[in-house]
């Protein structure tokens, strides 16, 4: 079984300040640090996505099948998809009535002598 990584762990490995450069592609984590100097598009293309999900960029770049095969050499694990999603708590306050808010039942419609209500 592959090593599982949290998104926060990968985010720290962004290739800046001497840190390794890890990418996420299709849920897999890759350490591309040693490949930065060899990447045909230049190392900057990889560093742009350091610590992030590069799946969309990888697909859009039109990589060859050889590139996809070579990618396996840099795989170090997978994203832990079983990790619970952290949701920020929200405070639900009492809603303030607005100008158009009806606070009580409106008066019933009045009938005119003709049976139609005009107001």
Foldseek 3Di string as FASTA:
>chain_A
DADEDELVVQLVQLPPPNHFFWEAAPQFIFGCRVCQPVDPVHNVVRSVRGSHYCHVVVVVVPDDVVVVVVRVVGTRGGYPPVDDDDDDDDDDDDDDDDPPDDPDDDDDFDADPVRDGDD
